[in-house]
C-alpha atoms as a PDB file:
ATOM      1  CA  MET A   1      24.826 -54.733 244.271  1.00  0.00           C
ATOM      2  CA  THR A   2      24.936 -55.659 247.941  1.00  0.00           C
ATOM      3  CA  GLY A   3      26.521 -59.023 247.089  1.00  0.00           C
ATOM      4  CA  ASP A   4      29.254 -57.293 244.998  1.00  0.00           C
ATOM      5  CA  PHE A   5      29.990 -54.889 247.844  1.00  0.00           C
ATOM      6  CA  ARG A   6      30.174 -57.727 250.347  1.00  0.00           C
ATOM      7  CA  HIS A   7      32.455 -59.705 248.005  1.00  0.00           C
ATOM      8  CA  ALA A   8      34.794 -56.719 247.533  1.00  0.00           C
ATOM      9  CA  ALA A   9      34.907 -56.063 251.281  1.00  0.00           C
ATOM     10  CA  GLY A  10      35.757 -59.714 251.935  1.00  0.00           C
ATOM     11  CA  ARG A  11      38.527 -59.580 249.326  1.00  0.00           C
ATOM     12  CA  ARG A  12      40.083 -56.504 250.947  1.00  0.00           C
ATOM     13  CA  ALA A  13      39.853 -58.086 254.386  1.00  0.00           C
ATOM     14  CA  ARG A  14      41.581 -61.236 253.144  1.00  0.00           C
ATOM     15  CA  ALA A  15      44.326 -59.219 251.467  1.00  0.00           C
ATOM     16  CA  ARG A  16      44.994 -57.333 254.714  1.00  0.00           C
ATOM     17  CA  PHE A  17      45.051 -60.614 256.651  1.00  0.00           C
ATOM     18  CA  PHE A  18      47.575 -62.268 254.346  1.00  0.00           C
ATOM     19  CA  ARG A  19      49.804 -59.142 254.321  1.00  0.00           C
ATOM     20  CA  ARG A  20      49.865 -59.075 258.109  1.00  0.00           C
ATOM     21  CA  VAL A  21      50.609 -62.782 258.323  1.00  0.00           C
ATOM     22  CA  ALA A  22      53.429 -62.413 255.778  1.00  0.00           C
ATOM     23  CA  ILE A  23      54.973 -59.416 257.568  1.00  0.00           C
ATOM     24  CA  ALA A  24      54.728 -61.132 260.936  1.00  0.00           C
ATOM     25  CA  SER A  25      56.320 -64.318 259.543  1.00  0.00           C
ATOM     26  CA  VAL A  26      59.221 -62.410 257.991  1.00  0.00           C
ATOM     27  CA  LEU A  27      59.815 -60.442 261.201  1.00  0.00           C
ATOM     28  CA  VAL A  28      59.797 -63.579 263.331  1.00  0.00           C
ATOM     29  CA  LEU A  29      62.196 -65.282 260.929  1.00  0.00           C
ATOM     30  CA  ALA A  30      64.462 -62.220 260.792  1.00  0.00           C
ATOM     31  CA  PHE A  31      64.655 -61.958 264.590  1.00  0.00           C
ATOM     32  CA  ALA A  32      65.360 -65.701 264.808  1.00  0.00           C
ATOM     33  CA  ILE A  33      68.190 -65.409 262.270  1.00  0.00           C
ATOM     34  CA  LEU A  34      69.640 -62.332 263.951  1.00  0.00           C
ATOM     35  CA  GLY A  35      69.599 -64.127 267.262  1.00  0.00           C
ATOM     36  CA  PHE A  36      71.306 -67.122 265.689  1.00  0.00           C
ATOM     37  CA  ILE A  37      73.972 -64.868 264.121  1.00  0.00           C
ATOM     38  CA  SER A  38      74.563 -63.161 267.449  1.00  0.00           C
ATOM     39  CA  VAL A  39      75.091 -66.477 269.180  1.00  0.00           C
ATOM     40  CA  VAL A  40      77.437 -67.716 266.439  1.00  0.00           C
ATOM     41  CA  ARG A  41      79.363 -64.441 266.487  1.00  0.00           C
ATOM     42  CA  SER A  42      79.827 -64.636 270.245  1.00  0.00           C
ATOM     43  CA  ILE A  43      81.108 -68.181 269.956  1.00  0.00           C
ATOM     44  CA  THR A  44      83.488 -67.372 267.081  1.00  0.00           C
ATOM     45  CA  ASP A  45      84.768 -64.217 268.816  1.00  0.00           C
ATOM     46  CA  ALA A  46      85.563 -66.228 271.889  1.00  0.00           C
ATOM     47  CA  ALA A  47      87.261 -68.993 269.897  1.00  0.00           C
ATOM     48  CA  ALA A  48      89.182 -66.757 267.483  1.00  0.00           C
ATOM     49  CA  PRO A  49      92.822 -65.828 268.282  1.00  0.00           C
ATOM     50  CA  ALA A  50      93.401 -62.390 269.688  1.00  0.00           C
ATOM     51  CA  GLY A  51      93.694 -59.674 267.076  1.00  0.00           C
ATOM     52  CA  THR A  52      91.899 -61.623 264.303  1.00  0.00           C
ATOM     53  CA  ARG A  53      88.368 -61.142 262.896  1.00  0.00           C
ATOM     54  CA  PRO A  54      86.211 -64.193 262.141  1.00  0.00           C
ATOM     55  CA  THR A  55      85.172 -64.474 258.491  1.00  0.00           C
ATOM     56  CA  ILE A  56      82.063 -66.591 259.102  1.00  0.00           C
ATOM     57  CA  ILE A  57      79.714 -63.633 259.643  1.00  0.00           C
ATOM     58  CA  PRO A  58      79.355 -62.670 255.913  1.00  0.00           C
ATOM     59  CA  PHE A  59      78.488 -66.256 255.059  1.00  0.00           C
ATOM     60  CA  LEU A  60      75.867 -66.277 257.805  1.00  0.00           C
ATOM     61  CA  LEU A  61      74.367 -63.074 256.439  1.00  0.00           C
ATOM     62  CA  VAL A  62      74.146 -64.604 252.958  1.00  0.00           C
ATOM     63  CA  ILE A  63      72.460 -67.701 254.391  1.00  0.00           C
ATOM     64  CA  ALA A  64      70.085 -65.490 256.388  1.00  0.00           C
ATOM     65  CA  VAL A  65      69.022 -63.520 253.291  1.00  0.00           C
ATOM     66  CA  TRP A  66      68.604 -66.735 251.328  1.00  0.00           C
ATOM     67  CA  GLY A  67      66.478 -68.191 254.150  1.00  0.00           C
ATOM     68  CA  ILE A  68      64.221 -65.136 254.216  1.00  0.00           C
ATOM     69  CA  LEU A  69      63.718 -65.210 250.450  1.00  0.00           C
ATOM     70  CA  LEU A  70      62.998 -68.954 250.528  1.00  0.00           C
ATOM     71  CA  THR A  71      60.498 -68.450 253.350  1.00  0.00           C
ATOM     72  CA  VAL A  72      58.710 -65.692 251.431  1.00  0.00           C
ATOM     73  CA  ARG A  73      58.521 -67.921 248.368  1.00  0.00           C
ATOM     74  CA  LYS A  74      57.139 -70.848 250.367  1.00  0.00           C
ATOM     75  CA  ALA A  75      54.656 -68.568 252.093  1.00  0.00           C
ATOM     76  CA  ARG A  76      53.395 -67.314 248.730  1.00  0.00           C
ATOM     77  CA  GLY A  77      53.013 -70.920 247.535  1.00  0.00           C
ATOM     78  CA  PHE A  78      50.991 -71.682 250.654  1.00  0.00           C
ATOM     79  CA  ALA A  79      48.909 -68.498 250.719  1.00  0.00           C
ATOM     80  CA  SER A  80      47.905 -68.430 247.049  1.00  0.00           C
ATOM     81  CA  PRO A  81      45.900 -71.719 247.040  1.00  0.00           C
ATOM     82  CA  LEU A  82      44.359 -70.854 250.407  1.00  0.00           C
ATOM     83  CA  TYR A  83      43.333 -67.435 249.102  1.00  0.00           C
ATOM     84  CA  ALA A  84      41.753 -69.104 246.028  1.00  0.00           C
ATOM     85  CA  VAL A  85      39.689 -71.425 248.250  1.00  0.00           C
ATOM     86  CA  MET A  86      38.506 -68.495 250.393  1.00  0.00           C
ATOM     87  CA  GLU A  87      37.614 -66.524 247.257  1.00  0.00           C
ATOM     88  CA  ALA A  88      35.653 -69.481 245.860  1.00  0.00           C
ATOM     89  CA  ALA A  89      33.879 -69.993 249.192  1.00  0.00           C
ATOM     90  CA  ASP A  90      32.497 -66.446 248.934  1.00  0.00           C
ATOM     91  CA  ARG A  91      31.114 -67.213 245.491  1.00  0.00           C
ATOM     92  CA  VAL A  92      29.479 -70.405 246.773  1.00  0.00           C
ATOM     93  CA  ALA A  93      27.921 -68.425 249.629  1.00  0.00           C
ATOM     94  CA  GLU A  94      26.381 -66.145 246.999  1.00  0.00           C
ATOM     95  CA  GLY A  95      24.814 -69.138 245.215  1.00  0.00           C
ATOM     96  CA  ASP A  96      27.381 -69.825 242.483  1.00  0.00           C
ATOM     97  CA  TYR A  97      27.845 -73.611 242.644  1.00  0.00           C
ATOM     98  CA  THR A  98      29.783 -73.822 239.382  1.00  0.00           C
ATOM     99  CA  VAL A  99      33.007 -72.468 240.918  1.00  0.00           C
ATOM    100  CA  ARG A 100      35.981 -74.825 241.171  1.00  0.00           C
ATOM    101  CA  VAL A 101      39.507 -74.300 242.504  1.00  0.00           C
ATOM    102  CA  SER A 102      42.718 -75.692 241.053  1.00  0.00           C
ATOM    103  CA  SER A 103      44.761 -78.122 243.125  1.00  0.00           C
ATOM    104  CA  GLY A 104      48.146 -76.624 243.981  1.00  0.00           C
ATOM    105  CA  GLY A 105      50.531 -76.008 246.819  1.00  0.00           C
ATOM    106  CA  PRO A 106      51.373 -78.407 249.648  1.00  0.00           C
ATOM    107  CA  ALA A 107      49.585 -81.740 250.002  1.00  0.00           C
ATOM    108  CA  PRO A 108      47.189 -80.516 252.742  1.00  0.00           C
ATOM    109  CA  LEU A 109      46.050 -77.630 250.517  1.00  0.00           C
ATOM    110  CA  ARG A 110      45.627 -79.953 247.528  1.00  0.00           C
ATOM    111  CA  ALA A 111      43.416 -82.159 249.701  1.00  0.00           C
ATOM    112  CA  LEU A 112      41.457 -79.075 250.811  1.00  0.00           C
ATOM    113  CA  ALA A 113      40.931 -78.008 247.185  1.00  0.00           C
ATOM    114  CA  SER A 114      39.777 -81.505 246.231  1.00  0.00           C
ATOM    115  CA  SER A 115      37.305 -81.611 249.136  1.00  0.00           C
ATOM    116  CA  PHE A 116      36.047 -78.148 248.248  1.00  0.00           C
ATOM    117  CA  ASN A 117      35.446 -79.152 244.621  1.00  0.00           C
ATOM    118  CA  THR A 118      33.598 -82.287 245.731  1.00  0.00           C
ATOM    119  CA  MET A 119      31.409 -80.191 248.023  1.00  0.00           C
ATOM    120  CA  THR A 120      30.517 -77.702 245.293  1.00  0.00           C
ATOM    121  CA  GLU A 121      29.710 -80.534 242.864  1.00  0.00           C
ATOM    122  CA  ARG A 122      27.301 -82.039 245.377  1.00  0.00           C
ATOM    123  CA  LEU A 123      25.765 -78.640 246.090  1.00  0.00           C
ATOM    124  CA  GLN A 124      25.327 -78.104 242.353  1.00  0.00           C
ATOM    125  CA  ASP A 125      23.670 -81.513 241.961  1.00  0.00           C
ATOM    126  CA  ALA A 126      21.399 -80.877 244.963  1.00  0.00           C
ATOM    127  CA  ASP A 127      20.413 -77.489 243.564  1.00  0.00           C
ATOM    128  CA  ARG A 128      19.628 -79.036 240.184  1.00  0.00           C
ATOM    129  CA  VAL A 129      17.525 -81.778 241.808  1.00  0.00           C
ATOM    130  CA  ARG A 130      15.672 -79.172 243.853  1.00  0.00           C
ATOM    131  CA  ARG A 131      14.884 -77.088 240.776  1.00  0.00           C
ATOM    132  CA  ASP A 132      13.781 -80.137 238.796  1.00  0.00           C
ATOM    133  CA  LEU A 133      11.627 -81.313 241.701  1.00  0.00           C
ATOM    134  CA  MET A 134       9.896 -77.950 242.008  1.00  0.00           C
ATOM    135  CA  ALA A 135       9.217 -77.902 238.264  1.00  0.00           C
ATOM    136  CA  ASP A 136       7.893 -81.478 238.313  1.00  0.00           C
ATOM    137  CA  VAL A 137       5.668 -80.841 241.342  1.00  0.00           C
ATOM    138  CA  ALA A 138       4.244 -77.710 239.732  1.00  0.00           C
ATOM    139  CA  HIS A 139       3.581 -79.664 236.539  1.00  0.00           C
ATOM    140  CA  GLU A 140       1.882 -82.554 238.356  1.00  0.00           C
ATOM    141  CA  LEU A 141      -0.288 -80.238 240.461  1.00  0.00           C
ATOM    142  CA  ARG A 142      -1.316 -78.114 237.501  1.00  0.00           C
ATOM    143  CA  THR A 143      -3.404 -80.801 235.776  1.00  0.00           C
ATOM    144  CA  PRO A 144      -5.804 -81.772 238.609  1.00  0.00           C
ATOM    145  CA  LEU A 145      -6.078 -78.143 239.725  1.00  0.00           C
ATOM    146  CA  SER A 146      -6.932 -77.033 236.196  1.00  0.00           C
ATOM    147  CA  VAL A 147      -9.575 -79.767 235.951  1.00  0.00           C
ATOM    148  CA  LEU A 148     -11.086 -78.745 239.283  1.00  0.00           C
ATOM    149  CA  GLN A 149     -11.073 -75.081 238.347  1.00  0.00           C
ATOM    150  CA  GLY A 150     -12.660 -75.718 234.949  1.00  0.00           C
ATOM    151  CA  ARG A 151     -15.351 -78.003 236.394  1.00  0.00           C
ATOM    152  CA  LEU A 152     -16.239 -75.611 239.198  1.00  0.00           C
ATOM    153  CA  GLU A 153     -16.414 -72.653 236.818  1.00  0.00           C
ATOM    154  CA  GLY A 154     -18.623 -74.737 234.524  1.00  0.00           C
ATOM    155  CA  LEU A 155     -20.957 -75.588 237.416  1.00  0.00           C
ATOM    156  CA  LEU A 156     -21.207 -71.932 238.452  1.00  0.00           C
ATOM    157  CA  ASP A 157     -21.851 -70.803 234.862  1.00  0.00           C
ATOM    158  CA  GLY A 158     -24.446 -73.505 234.282  1.00  0.00           C
ATOM    159  CA  VAL A 159     -22.386 -75.266 231.611  1.00  0.00           C
ATOM    160  CA  TYR A 160     -22.440 -78.489 233.649  1.00  0.00           C
ATOM    161  CA  ALA A 161     -25.408 -79.835 235.552  1.00  0.00           C
ATOM    162  CA  CYS A 162     -24.861 -79.937 239.298  1.00  0.00           C
ATOM    163  CA  ASP A 163     -25.570 -83.646 239.665  1.00  0.00           C
ATOM    164  CA  ASP A 164     -23.961 -86.626 241.354  1.00  0.00           C
ATOM    165  CA  ARG A 165     -21.880 -87.514 238.300  1.00  0.00           C
ATOM    166  CA  GLN A 166     -20.198 -84.114 238.181  1.00  0.00           C
ATOM    167  CA  LEU A 167     -19.630 -84.107 241.931  1.00  0.00           C
ATOM    168  CA  SER A 168     -18.112 -87.597 241.836  1.00  0.00           C
ATOM    169  CA  GLN A 169     -15.679 -86.483 239.109  1.00  0.00           C
ATOM    170  CA  LEU A 170     -14.671 -83.501 241.203  1.00  0.00           C
ATOM    171  CA  LEU A 171     -14.203 -85.778 244.195  1.00  0.00           C
ATOM    172  CA  GLU A 172     -11.993 -88.085 242.129  1.00  0.00           C
ATOM    173  CA  GLU A 173      -9.741 -85.146 241.214  1.00  0.00           C
ATOM    174  CA  THR A 174      -9.381 -84.270 244.896  1.00  0.00           C
ATOM    175  CA  HIS A 175      -8.342 -87.884 245.494  1.00  0.00           C
ATOM    176  CA  VAL A 176      -5.664 -87.490 242.814  1.00  0.00           C
ATOM    177  CA  LEU A 177      -4.381 -84.390 244.583  1.00  0.00           C
ATOM    178  CA  SER A 178      -4.426 -86.110 247.968  1.00  0.00           C
ATOM    179  CA  ARG A 179      -2.466 -89.085 246.639  1.00  0.00           C
ATOM    180  CA  LEU A 180       0.102 -86.804 245.044  1.00  0.00           C
ATOM    181  CA  VAL A 181       0.575 -84.761 248.213  1.00  0.00           C
ATOM    182  CA  GLU A 182       0.892 -87.908 250.345  1.00  0.00           C
ATOM    183  CA  ASP A 183       3.386 -89.400 247.882  1.00  0.00           C
ATOM    184  CA  LEU A 184       5.473 -86.234 248.024  1.00  0.00           C
ATOM    185  CA  ARG A 185       5.372 -86.275 251.821  1.00  0.00           C
ATOM    186  CA  THR A 186       6.490 -89.917 251.973  1.00  0.00           C
ATOM    187  CA  LEU A 187       9.276 -89.246 249.486  1.00  0.00           C
ATOM    188  CA  ALA A 188      10.482 -86.185 251.429  1.00  0.00           C
ATOM    189  CA  LEU A 189      10.593 -88.182 254.673  1.00  0.00           C
ATOM    190  CA  SER A 190      12.479 -90.963 252.927  1.00  0.00           C
ATOM    191  CA  ASP A 191      15.060 -88.572 251.471  1.00  0.00           C
ATOM    192  CA  ALA A 192      15.562 -86.948 254.878  1.00  0.00           C
ATOM    193  CA  GLY A 193      15.994 -90.319 256.580  1.00  0.00           C
ATOM    194  CA  ALA A 194      12.983 -89.524 258.778  1.00  0.00           C
ATOM    195  CA  LEU A 195      10.581 -92.150 257.435  1.00  0.00           C
ATOM    196  CA  GLN A 196       9.150 -93.861 260.498  1.00  0.00           C
ATOM    197  CA  ILE A 197       9.219 -97.649 260.357  1.00  0.00           C
ATOM    198  CA  GLU A 198       7.042 -99.472 262.905  1.00  0.00           C
ATOM    199  CA  ARG A 199       8.501-102.965 262.751  1.00  0.00           C
ATOM    200  CA  GLU A 200       6.610-106.047 263.814  1.00  0.00           C
ATOM    201  CA  PRO A 201       6.757-109.742 262.822  1.00  0.00           C
ATOM    202  CA  THR A 202       4.526-110.061 259.767  1.00  0.00           C
ATOM    203  CA  ASP A 203       3.590-112.972 257.538  1.00  0.00           C
ATOM    204  CA  LEU A 204       4.755-111.642 254.193  1.00  0.00           C
ATOM    205  CA  LEU A 205       2.874-114.274 252.210  1.00  0.00           C
ATOM    206  CA  ALA A 206      -0.411-113.361 253.862  1.00  0.00           C
ATOM    207  CA  LEU A 207       0.275-109.667 253.282  1.00  0.00           C
ATOM    208  CA  ALA A 208       1.030-110.235 249.580  1.00  0.00           C
ATOM    209  CA  ARG A 209      -2.093-112.361 249.120  1.00  0.00           C
ATOM    210  CA  ASP A 210      -4.191-109.695 250.842  1.00  0.00           C
ATOM    211  CA  VAL A 211      -2.873-107.054 248.441  1.00  0.00           C
ATOM    212  CA  SER A 212      -3.443-109.338 245.436  1.00  0.00           C
ATOM    213  CA  ILE A 213      -7.095-109.811 246.445  1.00  0.00           C
ATOM    214  CA  SER A 214      -7.566-106.036 246.451  1.00  0.00           C
ATOM    215  CA  MET A 215      -5.889-105.833 243.006  1.00  0.00           C
ATOM    216  CA  GLU A 216      -7.922-108.625 241.403  1.00  0.00           C
ATOM    217  CA  PRO A 217     -10.739-106.377 240.067  1.00  0.00           C
ATOM    218  CA  ASP A 218      -8.210-104.225 238.203  1.00  0.00           C
ATOM    219  CA  ALA A 219      -6.435-107.333 236.895  1.00  0.00           C
ATOM    220  CA  ALA A 220      -9.751-108.838 235.782  1.00  0.00           C
ATOM    221  CA  ARG A 221     -10.673-105.684 233.841  1.00  0.00           C
ATOM    222  CA  ARG A 222      -7.404-105.982 231.950  1.00  0.00           C
ATOM    223  CA  SER A 223      -7.710-109.790 231.543  1.00  0.00           C
ATOM    224  CA  VAL A 224      -4.472-110.314 233.470  1.00  0.00           C
ATOM    225  CA  SER A 225      -4.023-113.215 235.875  1.00  0.00           C
ATOM    226  CA  LEU A 226      -2.461-112.487 239.267  1.00  0.00           C
ATOM    227  CA  ARG A 227      -0.929-115.105 241.546  1.00  0.00           C
ATOM    228  CA  VAL A 228       1.238-115.229 244.677  1.00  0.00           C
ATOM    229  CA  ASP A 229       3.689-118.130 245.093  1.00  0.00           C
ATOM    230  CA  GLY A 230       5.499-119.168 248.249  1.00  0.00           C
ATOM    231  CA  SER A 231       6.016-121.896 250.782  1.00  0.00           C
ATOM    232  CA  PRO A 232       2.966-123.426 252.500  1.00  0.00           C
ATOM    233  CA  THR A 233       4.294-122.206 255.861  1.00  0.00           C
ATOM    234  CA  PRO A 234       4.259-118.529 256.890  1.00  0.00           C
ATOM    235  CA  VAL A 235       7.237-116.399 255.836  1.00  0.00           C
ATOM    236  CA  VAL A 236       7.675-114.022 258.752  1.00  0.00           C
ATOM    237  CA  ALA A 237       9.550-110.761 258.222  1.00  0.00           C
ATOM    238  CA  ASP A 238      10.488-107.977 260.622  1.00  0.00           C
ATOM    239  CA  ILE A 239       8.790-105.121 258.747  1.00  0.00           C
ATOM    240  CA  ASP A 240       6.318-102.273 258.887  1.00  0.00           C
ATOM    241  CA  PRO A 241       3.259-103.944 257.319  1.00  0.00           C
ATOM    242  CA  VAL A 242       1.639-100.641 256.313  1.00  0.00           C
ATOM    243  CA  ARG A 243       4.727 -99.442 254.451  1.00  0.00           C
ATOM    244  CA  VAL A 244       5.458-102.795 252.803  1.00  0.00           C
ATOM    245  CA  ARG A 245       1.813-103.047 251.729  1.00  0.00           C
ATOM    246  CA  GLU A 246       2.419 -99.812 249.842  1.00  0.00           C
ATOM    247  CA  VAL A 247       5.432-101.392 248.120  1.00  0.00           C
ATOM    248  CA  PHE A 248       3.401-104.438 247.073  1.00  0.00           C
ATOM    249  CA  THR A 249       0.571-102.208 245.845  1.00  0.00           C
ATOM    250  CA  ASN A 250       2.882-100.058 243.723  1.00  0.00           C
ATOM    251  CA  LEU A 251       4.726-102.995 242.173  1.00  0.00           C
ATOM    252  CA  MET A 252       1.606-105.076 241.465  1.00  0.00           C
ATOM    253  CA  ALA A 253      -0.266-102.098 240.016  1.00  0.00           C
ATOM    254  CA  ASN A 254       2.651-101.308 237.688  1.00  0.00           C
ATOM    255  CA  ALA A 255       2.969-104.940 236.619  1.00  0.00           C
ATOM    256  CA  ILE A 256      -0.766-105.215 235.884  1.00  0.00           C
ATOM    257  CA  ARG A 257      -0.786-101.927 234.024  1.00  0.00           C
ATOM    258  CA  HIS A 258       2.057-102.964 231.726  1.00  0.00           C
ATOM    259  CA  SER A 259       0.856-106.513 231.041  1.00  0.00           C
ATOM    260  CA  PRO A 260      -1.157-107.221 227.887  1.00  0.00           C
ATOM    261  CA  ALA A 261      -4.541-108.944 227.870  1.00  0.00           C
ATOM    262  CA  GLY A 262      -3.998-112.592 228.665  1.00  0.00           C
ATOM    263  CA  GLY A 263      -0.737-111.798 230.463  1.00  0.00           C
ATOM    264  CA  GLU A 264       0.319-112.886 233.909  1.00  0.00           C
ATOM    265  CA  VAL A 265       1.707-111.182 237.001  1.00  0.00           C
ATOM    266  CA  SER A 266       3.409-113.416 239.559  1.00  0.00           C
ATOM    267  CA  VAL A 267       4.658-112.603 243.045  1.00  0.00           C
ATOM    268  CA  THR A 268       7.233-115.006 244.463  1.00  0.00           C
ATOM    269  CA  ILE A 269       8.370-114.917 248.097  1.00  0.00           C
ATOM    270  CA  ALA A 270      11.272-117.053 249.316  1.00  0.00           C
ATOM    271  CA  ALA A 271      13.102-117.064 252.649  1.00  0.00           C
ATOM    272  CA  GLU A 272      16.863-117.311 252.307  1.00  0.00           C
ATOM    273  CA  ALA A 273      19.636-117.514 254.888  1.00  0.00           C
ATOM    274  CA  SER A 274      19.803-113.828 255.799  1.00  0.00           C
ATOM    275  CA  ALA A 275      16.760-112.190 254.186  1.00  0.00           C
ATOM    276  CA  ILE A 276      13.470-112.683 252.395  1.00  0.00           C
ATOM    277  CA  VAL A 277      13.565-112.230 248.631  1.00  0.00           C
ATOM    278  CA  VAL A 278      10.430-110.959 246.899  1.00  0.00           C
ATOM    279  CA  THR A 279      10.066-110.962 243.110  1.00  0.00           C
ATOM    280  CA  VAL A 280       7.248-109.333 241.142  1.00  0.00           C
ATOM    281  CA  ALA A 281       7.323-110.393 237.484  1.00  0.00           C
ATOM    282  CA  ASP A 282       5.091-109.583 234.540  1.00  0.00           C
ATOM    283  CA  THR A 283       4.815-110.704 230.939  1.00  0.00           C
ATOM    284  CA  GLY A 284       4.664-107.216 229.483  1.00  0.00           C
ATOM    285  CA  SER A 285       6.685-105.592 226.744  1.00  0.00           C
ATOM    286  CA  GLY A 286       9.722-104.937 228.944  1.00  0.00           C
ATOM    287  CA  MET A 287      11.956-101.883 228.903  1.00  0.00           C
ATOM    288  CA  ASP A 288      15.070-100.740 227.120  1.00  0.00           C
ATOM    289  CA  ALA A 289      18.324 -99.945 228.944  1.00  0.00           C
ATOM    290  CA  GLU A 290      17.753 -96.181 228.937  1.00  0.00           C
ATOM    291  CA  THR A 291      14.319 -96.440 230.566  1.00  0.00           C
ATOM    292  CA  LEU A 292      15.623 -99.036 233.016  1.00  0.00           C
ATOM    293  CA  ALA A 293      18.401 -96.705 234.180  1.00  0.00           C
ATOM    294  CA  ARG A 294      15.872 -93.981 235.095  1.00  0.00           C
ATOM    295  CA  LEU A 295      13.198 -96.264 236.512  1.00  0.00           C
ATOM    296  CA  PHE A 296      13.544 -95.167 240.141  1.00  0.00           C
ATOM    297  CA  ASP A 297      13.815 -91.449 239.321  1.00  0.00           C
ATOM    298  CA  ARG A 298      11.091 -89.166 240.570  1.00  0.00           C
ATOM    299  CA  PHE A 299       8.233 -88.464 238.167  1.00  0.00           C
ATOM    300  CA  GLN A 300       9.569 -91.079 235.756  1.00  0.00           C
ATOM    301  CA  LYS A 301       6.478 -92.401 233.962  1.00  0.00           C
ATOM    302  CA  GLY A 302       6.036 -94.909 231.192  1.00  0.00           C
ATOM    303  CA  ALA A 303       3.991 -94.370 228.089  1.00  0.00           C
ATOM    304  CA  GLY A 304       0.302 -94.043 228.895  1.00  0.00           C
ATOM    305  CA  SER A 305       0.841 -93.962 232.652  1.00  0.00           C
ATOM    306  CA  ARG A 306      -1.671 -91.933 234.643  1.00  0.00           C
ATOM    307  CA  GLY A 307       0.189 -92.142 237.943  1.00  0.00           C
ATOM    308  CA  SER A 308       2.378 -89.502 239.537  1.00  0.00           C
ATOM    309  CA  GLY A 309       5.622 -91.265 238.630  1.00  0.00           C
ATOM    310  CA  LEU A 310       6.591 -91.453 242.318  1.00  0.00           C
ATOM    311  CA  GLY A 311       5.548 -95.021 243.134  1.00  0.00           C
ATOM    312  CA  LEU A 312       8.861 -96.737 242.396  1.00  0.00           C
ATOM    313  CA  ALA A 313      10.899 -93.964 244.056  1.00  0.00           C
ATOM    314  CA  ILE A 314       8.754 -94.384 247.177  1.00  0.00           C
ATOM    315  CA  ALA A 315       9.090 -98.180 247.043  1.00  0.00           C
ATOM    316  CA  LYS A 316      12.868 -97.856 246.861  1.00  0.00           C
ATOM    317  CA  GLY A 317      12.885 -95.510 249.863  1.00  0.00           C
ATOM    318  CA  ILE A 318      10.698 -97.839 251.940  1.00  0.00           C
ATOM    319  CA  VAL A 319      12.798-100.904 251.126  1.00  0.00           C
ATOM    320  CA  ALA A 320      15.993 -98.989 251.937  1.00  0.00           C
ATOM    321  CA  ALA A 321      14.496 -97.831 255.253  1.00  0.00           C
ATOM    322  CA  HIS A 322      14.007-101.511 256.144  1.00  0.00           C
ATOM    323  CA  GLY A 323      17.655-102.228 255.357  1.00  0.00           C
ATOM    324  CA  GLY A 324      16.852-104.027 252.100  1.00  0.00           C
ATOM    325  CA  GLU A 325      17.681-103.509 248.436  1.00  0.00           C
ATOM    326  CA  ILE A 326      15.564-103.304 245.305  1.00  0.00           C
ATOM    327  CA  SER A 327      16.560-103.941 241.694  1.00  0.00           C
ATOM    328  CA  VAL A 328      14.935-104.339 238.291  1.00  0.00           C
ATOM    329  CA  SER A 329      15.801-106.540 235.334  1.00  0.00           C
ATOM    330  CA  SER A 330      14.019-106.267 232.013  1.00  0.00           C
ATOM    331  CA  THR A 331      14.437-107.120 228.361  1.00  0.00           C
ATOM    332  CA  PRO A 332      12.307-105.609 225.579  1.00  0.00           C
ATOM    333  CA  GLY A 333       9.639-108.152 224.672  1.00  0.00           C
ATOM    334  CA  SER A 334      10.344-110.418 227.672  1.00  0.00           C
ATOM    335  CA  GLY A 335       8.650-108.675 230.592  1.00  0.00           C
ATOM    336  CA  THR A 336      10.061-107.104 233.745  1.00  0.00           C
ATOM    337  CA  ARG A 337      11.189-108.504 237.115  1.00  0.00           C
ATOM    338  CA  VAL A 338      11.412-106.346 240.232  1.00  0.00           C
ATOM    339  CA  THR A 339      13.252-107.968 243.138  1.00  0.00           C
ATOM    340  CA  PHE A 340      13.631-106.631 246.672  1.00  0.00           C
ATOM    341  CA  THR A 341      14.834-108.000 249.992  1.00  0.00           C
ATOM    342  CA  LEU A 342      13.477-107.627 253.521  1.00  0.00           C
ATOM    343  CA  PRO A 343      14.923-108.695 256.887  1.00  0.00           C
ATOM    344  CA  LEU A 344      13.869-111.933 258.520  1.00  0.00           C
ATOM    345  CA  ALA A 345      12.075-111.720 261.846  1.00  0.00           C
ATOM    346  CA  ALA A 346      14.183-112.568 264.903  1.00  0.00           C
ATOM    347  CA  ALA A 347      13.693-116.114 266.119  1.00  0.00           C
END
């Protein structure tokens, strides 16, 4: 009710403003025309022979009336699109991001309408992303919280024995929650452009091999071989080693998870003229075009995935914060290749 009252008050205020502007414009134009007629009449009176009346004044009056009518028409053509934009702006302020305005009037007003429509489209997209994100976060938090609640209630009711096994399972669920919260924090910083990057010259090959050593137990359980290929000399990049380690961990874990028993995951690092190119390839089942298009979306998870679905979105944000790019190529039945670039260290 308050919003409707505010909208009606704004509409009345705008109507009064445009009426005053129109009246003022007509008065200024009328005085200008009258002054012009007075000057012309004085000149014609002085130039006309004695005893004669100049006949130019009626024509000037006709031109003056025509000028006023033309000005009013032009003013209406200018005011109507501007009024529509102001009306739509009130609706956007009230949270209606579906409003659009038609492009009409002079070129500057058409440009204003186009910019306004672009703004509302982006606001609508941002609002949709925000709603989807809140729903996804609530969904992801619900599962570990429900498990914790059920386990704790079972311990209090005596359904479960209060032993080390039960406590370790509860601790594992808290780890899941902690990882999810930290992933959300990293993603929020990346989206806001506030992700801190502590750059230092780092041997990328050594970093990748270090991550592969930590991933070897998981690869061994799945009977997947894991190798890192590169030049025998160090490949030094100007990066944040902590953040890039997270990228390697996410990509290797995904590749191992989606590789069949007996498959292979390879990490290739090559220094080119302007950047370092890193490729993580697996011999899994690959992805179709639809899945590939949504791969870097938040909470996008493959079949059977137990992760949060944020790993690749975070990896993309970290690579972008370093000034690099990341891309994926995949064919069903032929595995997947993730390629990203990082800046070379200054000589």
